């Protein structure tokens, strides 16, 4: 097929734009920006026993609830343990079992469970979780868990030495719980459906509303606030599902978000998005270090018959070091690359950078929301 030079030029130009400006030609779907109100999972929790451990279970003298739980279970099976019996168990561990019940789960569905030791068991490897009821916040049983636990860690010890990789007191059972009770849902009976934005944004909420109304009619969507968009959905269940599926696949050209910097004081990490800007300012950062060193000195008499005594005296040394930084000028930065280059010129450590960013925010030089974890 022959193309004119102008056609070839336009085709090449469109290809270059699609490679250089992916955010301009691609859009996010509504399903990536929102969730349906009321369609969510529920947390389940239960208490159970793991048996079959190779001598790595709870020490019953320090965890008496393990022995009490085993006695109660045996009594339900028709086995009476004489009172005062000191059961020295090594292959049993008391555990907490947690699971997440997904939305629209039906009786008979299988869900994954996480098993975590709550006593002093060394390892759950090779154990079997006995039937454990999993309850919701309303104290009702919604699932039953049982099965062989899978521990991803490994460890060995001997002669006072110990080597361990990953965690041995936590395990997982894939499909280890069976749903026994369904959570009531009013999704099919409600007249309206509400979409909840993942982040508060008036512009995105209005953009979603305009795009839905453009496709399905002017009265289909209504933005209630920066977080919620109300939809007038069909009353028929099948039509409602088809309508919501079409709405979730609508592309949205999400504009630039809020400029934000996240500071984690525990790990010393600083993360900023691409919308952070700086105004021109001057920064000087210095460190004041105080070191205290204490050593023990032994003073002995010169001759054994002099009648003196050996004395241990402490020797303490205190030093103060002030590494002052010169005044550095930070130019105005309009994009993230310029911000990174400007901050790197300061030569500050991550901890110093946290203090500098907070001071810049107070001085009005930093145009971003500052969050500290």
Protein backbone atom coordinates (compact mmCIF):
# COMPACT_ATOMS: atom_id res chain seq x y z
CA UNK A 1 0.00 0.00 0.00
CA UNK A 2 1.53 3.34 -1.09
CA UNK A 3 1.25 6.33 1.23
CA UNK A 4 1.92 9.94 0.46
CA UNK A 5 4.80 11.71 2.27
CA UNK A 6 2.28 13.70 4.32
CA UNK A 7 0.50 10.51 5.43
CA UNK A 8 3.77 8.87 6.40
CA UNK A 9 4.77 11.99 8.36
CA UNK A 10 1.48 12.09 10.27
CA UNK A 11 1.70 8.38 11.04
CA UNK A 12 5.24 8.78 12.38
CA UNK A 13 4.19 11.82 14.42
CA UNK A 14 1.29 9.93 16.04
CA UNK A 15 3.61 7.01 16.86
CA UNK A 16 6.14 9.32 18.51
CA UNK A 17 3.42 11.04 20.55
CA UNK A 18 2.07 7.70 21.74
CA UNK A 19 5.55 6.68 22.91
CA UNK A 20 6.60 9.98 24.46
CA UNK A 21 3.28 10.96 26.03
CA UNK A 22 1.66 7.78 27.36
CA UNK A 23 -0.35 9.69 29.95
CA UNK A 24 -1.82 11.87 27.18
CA UNK A 25 -3.20 9.04 25.03
CA UNK A 26 -4.02 6.58 27.83
CA UNK A 27 -6.64 6.99 30.52
CA UNK A 28 -7.63 5.28 33.73
CA UNK A 29 -10.85 3.36 33.98
CA UNK A 30 -13.49 4.22 36.54
CA UNK A 31 -12.95 0.85 38.21
CA UNK A 32 -9.34 1.85 38.92
CA UNK A 33 -10.42 5.09 40.60
CA UNK A 34 -13.50 3.99 42.54
CA UNK A 35 -15.16 1.16 44.43
CA UNK A 36 -18.84 0.30 44.80
CA UNK A 37 -20.26 1.31 48.16
CA UNK A 38 -21.39 -1.72 50.18
CA UNK A 39 -19.45 -4.23 48.08
CA UNK A 40 -16.61 -5.11 50.43
CA UNK A 41 -15.05 -8.01 52.29
CA UNK A 42 -15.44 -8.84 55.99
CA UNK A 43 -12.83 -9.96 58.51
CA UNK A 44 -13.16 -13.31 60.30
CA UNK A 45 -11.23 -14.61 63.31
CA UNK A 46 -11.10 -17.79 65.35
CA UNK A 47 -9.10 -19.64 68.01
CA UNK A 48 -7.86 -23.16 67.35
CA UNK A 49 -5.22 -25.81 67.90
CA UNK A 50 -2.48 -27.08 65.62
CA UNK A 51 -1.43 -30.68 66.29
CA UNK A 52 1.18 -33.01 64.84
CA UNK A 53 4.19 -30.81 65.50
CA UNK A 54 7.60 -32.43 65.81
CA UNK A 55 8.29 -31.39 69.41
CA UNK A 56 8.10 -27.69 68.55
CA UNK A 57 4.75 -26.93 70.18
CA UNK A 58 3.84 -24.80 73.18
CA UNK A 59 5.45 -25.32 76.56
CA UNK A 60 2.34 -26.06 78.60
CA UNK A 61 3.83 -24.85 81.88
CA UNK A 62 4.10 -21.35 80.40
CA UNK A 63 0.97 -21.47 78.24
CA UNK A 64 -1.74 -23.11 80.38
CA UNK A 65 -4.50 -22.11 77.94
CA UNK A 66 -3.17 -24.67 75.45
CA UNK A 67 -3.77 -27.49 77.96
CA UNK A 68 -7.18 -26.09 78.87
CA UNK A 69 -8.20 -25.89 75.20
CA UNK A 70 -7.09 -29.46 74.57
CA UNK A 71 -9.00 -30.71 77.63
CA UNK A 72 -12.18 -28.96 76.45
CA UNK A 73 -11.83 -30.45 72.97
CA UNK A 74 -11.26 -33.96 74.35
CA UNK A 75 -14.31 -33.65 76.60
CA UNK A 76 -16.44 -32.83 73.55
CA UNK A 77 -15.16 -36.02 71.95
CA UNK A 78 -16.18 -38.06 75.00
CA UNK A 79 -12.72 -38.31 76.57
CA UNK A 80 -12.42 -37.21 80.19
CA UNK A 81 -9.04 -36.06 81.41
CA UNK A 82 -8.63 -36.59 85.19
CA UNK A 83 -8.38 -33.36 87.11
CA UNK A 84 -4.87 -32.45 88.19
CA UNK A 85 -3.29 -34.25 85.27
CA UNK A 86 -0.15 -32.46 84.13
CA UNK A 87 -0.09 -33.00 80.38
CA UNK A 88 3.40 -32.36 79.07
CA UNK A 89 2.50 -31.60 75.48
CA UNK A 90 5.11 -30.85 72.87
CA UNK A 91 3.22 -31.37 69.63
CA UNK A 92 0.28 -28.96 70.18
CA UNK A 93 0.19 -25.19 69.67
CA UNK A 94 -2.57 -22.67 70.32
CA UNK A 95 -3.12 -20.44 67.29
CA UNK A 96 -5.26 -17.60 66.05
CA UNK A 97 -6.86 -18.12 62.64
CA UNK A 98 -7.81 -15.14 60.48
CA UNK A 99 -9.51 -14.96 57.10
CA UNK A 100 -11.15 -12.48 54.77
CA UNK A 101 -14.69 -13.23 53.62
CA UNK A 102 -15.09 -11.72 50.13
CA UNK A 103 -18.18 -9.90 48.98
CA UNK A 104 -21.00 -12.08 47.54
CA UNK A 105 -19.44 -15.24 49.03
CA UNK A 106 -21.85 -18.18 49.05
CA UNK A 107 -22.11 -21.21 51.31
CA UNK A 108 -19.63 -23.84 50.23
CA UNK A 109 -17.03 -21.44 48.83
CA UNK A 110 -13.41 -21.94 49.84
CA UNK A 111 -11.31 -19.10 51.28
CA UNK A 112 -7.69 -18.87 52.41
CA UNK A 113 -6.78 -18.64 56.10
CA UNK A 114 -3.72 -17.42 57.97
CA UNK A 115 -2.59 -19.34 61.08
CA UNK A 116 -0.49 -17.53 63.70
CA UNK A 117 0.94 -18.95 66.91
CA UNK A 118 -0.10 -17.14 70.10
CA UNK A 119 2.00 -19.18 72.55
CA UNK A 120 5.71 -19.99 72.65
CA UNK A 121 5.78 -22.67 69.97
CA UNK A 122 9.06 -22.74 68.06
CA UNK A 123 7.58 -23.77 64.72
CA UNK A 124 4.27 -24.75 63.10
CA UNK A 125 5.91 -26.75 60.31
CA UNK A 126 4.23 -30.08 59.64
CA UNK A 127 1.20 -29.30 61.81
CA UNK A 128 -2.50 -29.76 61.13
CA UNK A 129 -5.12 -27.22 62.10
CA UNK A 130 -8.12 -28.81 63.78
CA UNK A 131 -11.63 -27.66 62.92
CA UNK A 132 -11.84 -24.01 63.95
CA UNK A 133 -14.99 -21.84 63.72
CA UNK A 134 -14.36 -18.39 62.27
CA UNK A 135 -16.58 -15.63 63.61
CA UNK A 136 -17.38 -12.13 62.43
CA UNK A 137 -17.78 -8.94 64.43
CA UNK A 138 -21.36 -9.97 65.27
CA UNK A 139 -20.05 -13.16 66.98
CA UNK A 140 -21.73 -15.36 64.36
CA UNK A 141 -19.92 -18.29 62.73
CA UNK A 142 -19.41 -17.66 59.00
CA UNK A 143 -16.78 -20.28 58.11
CA UNK A 144 -15.02 -23.40 59.38
CA UNK A 145 -11.27 -23.84 58.92
CA UNK A 146 -9.22 -27.06 58.94
CA UNK A 147 -6.25 -28.51 57.10
CA UNK A 148 -2.50 -28.92 56.89
CA UNK A 149 -0.59 -25.68 57.46
CA UNK A 150 2.08 -24.48 55.03
CA UNK A 151 5.10 -22.74 56.56
CA UNK A 152 7.40 -20.97 54.11
CA UNK A 153 10.24 -20.48 56.60
CA UNK A 154 13.01 -22.88 57.59
CA UNK A 155 15.29 -23.21 60.58
CA UNK A 156 17.79 -25.43 62.34
CA UNK A 157 19.57 -25.37 65.67
CA UNK A 158 22.18 -27.36 67.53
CA UNK A 159 25.00 -26.87 69.98
CA UNK A 160 23.68 -23.51 71.08
CA UNK A 161 23.60 -22.15 67.52
CA UNK A 162 20.48 -21.40 65.56
CA UNK A 163 19.77 -20.48 61.95
CA UNK A 164 16.35 -19.32 60.77
CA UNK A 165 15.00 -18.08 57.46
CA UNK A 166 11.68 -16.21 57.47
CA UNK A 167 8.97 -16.76 60.06
CA UNK A 168 8.22 -20.23 61.47
CA UNK A 169 5.29 -19.27 63.73
CA UNK A 170 3.04 -18.12 60.91
CA UNK A 171 1.45 -20.36 58.30
CA UNK A 172 -1.17 -20.33 55.59
CA UNK A 173 -3.77 -22.78 54.31
CA UNK A 174 -4.95 -22.20 50.74
CA UNK A 175 -8.68 -22.87 50.57
CA UNK A 176 -8.52 -23.96 54.19
CA UNK A 177 -11.93 -22.62 55.25
CA UNK A 178 -15.42 -23.37 53.97
CA UNK A 179 -18.06 -20.64 54.04
CA UNK A 180 -21.07 -21.74 56.10
CA UNK A 181 -23.07 -18.50 56.34
CA UNK A 182 -23.66 -15.78 53.74
CA UNK A 183 -23.46 -12.10 54.52
CA UNK A 184 -26.73 -10.34 53.59
CA UNK A 185 -26.32 -7.86 50.74
CA UNK A 186 -28.72 -5.17 49.56
CA UNK A 187 -26.91 -4.58 46.28
CA UNK A 188 -29.68 -6.02 44.11
CA UNK A 189 -32.53 -4.21 45.91
CA UNK A 190 -31.17 -0.67 46.27
CA UNK A 191 -32.50 1.97 43.92
CA UNK A 192 -29.20 3.79 43.61
CA UNK A 193 -25.57 2.73 43.44
CA UNK A 194 -22.84 4.88 44.94
CA UNK A 195 -19.29 4.92 43.67
CA UNK A 196 -16.67 5.83 46.26
CA UNK A 197 -13.48 7.44 44.99
CA UNK A 198 -10.25 6.01 46.31
CA UNK A 199 -9.07 9.56 47.08
CA UNK A 200 -11.02 12.75 47.68
CA UNK A 201 -10.99 14.85 44.53
CA UNK A 202 -13.75 17.20 43.40
CA UNK A 203 -12.43 17.43 39.85
CA UNK A 204 -12.31 13.66 39.30
CA UNK A 205 -15.76 13.21 40.88
CA UNK A 206 -17.21 15.81 38.51
CA UNK A 207 -15.36 14.33 35.55
CA UNK A 208 -16.75 10.87 36.29
CA UNK A 209 -20.24 12.34 36.60
CA UNK A 210 -19.99 14.20 33.29
CA UNK A 211 -18.65 11.18 31.42
CA UNK A 212 -21.38 8.84 32.73
CA UNK A 213 -24.12 11.37 31.94
CA UNK A 214 -22.72 11.84 28.45
CA UNK A 215 -23.05 8.12 27.75
CA UNK A 216 -26.20 7.13 29.66
CA UNK A 217 -28.21 10.33 29.97
CA UNK A 218 -28.11 13.58 31.89
CA UNK A 219 -29.80 12.24 35.03
CA UNK A 220 -27.79 9.04 35.46
CA UNK A 221 -24.97 10.28 37.72
CA UNK A 222 -24.79 12.92 40.45
CA UNK A 223 -21.65 13.92 42.34
CA UNK A 224 -22.65 14.18 46.01
CA UNK A 225 -19.23 15.31 47.26
CA UNK A 226 -15.54 14.85 46.59
CA UNK A 227 -15.77 11.16 47.53
CA UNK A 228 -19.15 9.86 46.33
CA UNK A 229 -20.90 9.68 42.96
CA UNK A 230 -24.52 8.53 42.96
CA UNK A 231 -25.84 6.43 40.06
CA UNK A 232 -29.46 5.78 39.07
CA UNK A 233 -29.20 2.07 38.27
CA UNK A 234 -31.79 -0.21 36.62
CA UNK A 235 -34.04 -2.18 38.96
CA UNK A 236 -33.56 -5.50 37.17
CA UNK A 237 -30.63 -7.44 38.66
CA UNK A 238 -29.16 -8.53 35.31
CA UNK A 239 -29.53 -5.06 33.81
CA UNK A 240 -27.95 -3.55 36.93
CA UNK A 241 -24.87 -5.76 36.59
CA UNK A 242 -24.57 -4.96 32.87
CA UNK A 243 -24.93 -1.24 33.58
CA UNK A 244 -22.29 -1.25 36.31
CA UNK A 245 -19.89 -3.24 34.12
CA UNK A 246 -20.23 -0.63 31.37
CA UNK A 247 -19.72 2.22 33.82
CA UNK A 248 -16.57 0.73 35.33
CA UNK A 249 -14.91 0.40 31.92
CA UNK A 250 -15.38 4.08 30.99
CA UNK A 251 -11.94 5.74 30.56
CA UNK A 252 -11.26 8.89 32.55
CA UNK A 253 -8.50 11.39 31.83
CA UNK A 254 -7.43 11.95 35.44
CA UNK A 255 -5.70 15.28 35.86
CA UNK A 256 -2.65 15.98 38.02
CA UNK A 257 -3.17 15.05 41.64
CA UNK A 258 -2.19 16.84 44.80
CA UNK A 259 1.50 17.46 45.38
CA UNK A 260 2.54 15.28 48.31
CA UNK A 261 5.68 14.22 50.19
CA UNK A 262 5.63 11.19 52.49
CA UNK A 263 8.27 11.02 55.25
CA UNK A 264 8.82 7.80 57.19
CA UNK A 265 10.78 8.71 60.31
CA UNK A 266 11.28 5.04 61.27
CA UNK A 267 13.05 3.96 58.09
CA UNK A 268 14.39 7.35 56.99
CA UNK A 269 12.69 7.19 53.58
CA UNK A 270 11.36 10.23 51.74
CA UNK A 271 8.99 9.77 48.77
CA UNK A 272 7.52 12.59 46.69
CA UNK A 273 5.29 12.62 43.64
CA UNK A 274 5.95 14.45 40.39
CA UNK A 275 3.88 17.53 41.25
CA UNK A 276 6.17 18.83 44.01
CA UNK A 277 7.57 22.32 43.38
CA UNK A 278 10.09 24.51 45.20
CA UNK A 279 10.48 28.25 45.45
CA UNK A 280 13.91 29.87 45.66
CA UNK A 281 15.33 29.76 49.17
CA UNK A 282 18.61 29.47 51.09
CA UNK A 283 19.36 26.51 53.38
CA UNK A 284 22.18 25.87 55.87
CA UNK A 285 22.27 22.54 57.67
CA UNK A 286 24.75 21.54 60.38
CA UNK A 287 25.17 18.59 62.72
CA UNK A 288 26.03 18.78 66.42
CA UNK A 289 27.51 15.51 67.72
CA UNK A 290 28.31 14.79 71.37
CA UNK A 291 30.36 11.66 72.06
CA UNK A 292 30.90 10.20 75.54
CA UNK A 293 33.51 7.43 75.84
CA UNK A 294 34.17 5.62 79.12
CA UNK A 295 36.97 3.12 79.71
CA UNK A 296 38.10 1.20 82.79
CA UNK A 297 41.72 1.54 83.93
CA UNK A 298 43.40 -0.80 86.41
CA UNK A 299 45.91 0.75 88.84
CA UNK A 300 48.26 -1.69 90.59
CA UNK A 301 51.05 -1.05 93.17
CA UNK A 302 54.61 -1.10 91.87
CA UNK A 303 55.83 -3.74 94.32
CA UNK A 304 53.86 -6.61 95.81
CA UNK A 305 55.05 -5.79 99.39
CA UNK A 306 54.20 -2.10 99.31
CA UNK A 307 50.84 -2.72 100.93
CA UNK A 308 48.83 -1.10 98.14
CA UNK A 309 45.61 -2.36 96.58
CA UNK A 310 44.57 -2.81 93.00
CA UNK A 311 42.01 -0.14 92.07
CA UNK A 312 39.81 0.09 88.98
CA UNK A 313 39.19 3.70 87.97
CA UNK A 314 36.90 4.90 85.19
CA UNK A 315 38.26 7.21 82.53
CA UNK A 316 35.60 9.32 80.83
CA UNK A 317 36.17 11.42 77.72
CA UNK A 318 33.61 13.84 76.29
CA UNK A 319 34.01 15.40 72.86
CA UNK A 320 31.77 17.79 70.95
CA UNK A 321 31.93 18.00 67.18
CA UNK A 322 30.03 20.61 65.18
CA UNK A 323 30.06 20.02 61.44
CA UNK A 324 28.44 23.16 60.16
CA UNK A 325 27.13 23.47 56.63
CA UNK A 326 27.53 26.47 54.43
CA UNK A 327 24.55 28.45 53.18
CA UNK A 328 23.25 26.82 50.00
CA UNK A 329 20.94 28.49 47.52
CA UNK A 330 18.04 26.42 46.20
CA UNK A 331 16.63 27.65 42.91
CA UNK A 332 12.98 27.57 41.91
CA UNK A 333 12.06 24.09 40.67
CA UNK A 334 9.08 23.48 38.41
CA UNK A 335 9.35 19.69 38.01
CA UNK A 336 10.43 16.68 40.06
CA UNK A 337 13.83 16.32 38.38
CA UNK A 338 14.73 19.88 39.30
CA UNK A 339 13.58 19.29 42.88
CA UNK A 340 15.76 16.18 43.17
CA UNK A 341 18.80 18.01 41.78
CA UNK A 342 18.23 20.96 44.11
CA UNK A 343 17.97 18.73 47.21
CA UNK A 344 20.98 16.68 46.19
CA UNK A 345 23.12 19.81 46.08
CA UNK A 346 22.56 20.22 49.81
CA UNK A 347 24.42 16.97 50.49
CA UNK A 348 22.12 16.13 53.40
CA UNK A 349 21.46 12.73 54.89
CA UNK A 350 17.86 11.39 54.88
CA UNK A 351 17.36 12.52 58.48
CA UNK A 352 18.67 15.98 57.62
CA UNK A 353 16.45 16.05 54.56
CA UNK A 354 13.37 15.47 56.71
CA UNK A 355 14.20 18.50 58.84
CA UNK A 356 14.98 20.59 55.76
CA UNK A 357 11.68 19.72 54.08
CA UNK A 358 9.73 20.55 57.22
CA UNK A 359 11.51 23.89 57.51
CA UNK A 360 10.87 24.62 53.82
CA UNK A 361 7.20 23.88 54.35
CA UNK A 362 7.07 26.27 57.31
CA UNK A 363 8.85 28.96 55.31
CA UNK A 364 6.44 28.61 52.38
CA UNK A 365 9.13 27.46 49.94
CA UNK A 366 7.73 23.93 49.52
CA UNK A 367 4.49 23.63 47.56
CA UNK A 368 3.30 20.19 48.62
CA UNK A 369 1.41 18.44 51.38
CA UNK A 370 3.83 16.98 53.93
CA UNK A 371 2.87 13.73 55.67
CA UNK A 372 4.86 11.95 58.37
CA UNK A 373 4.37 8.24 59.01
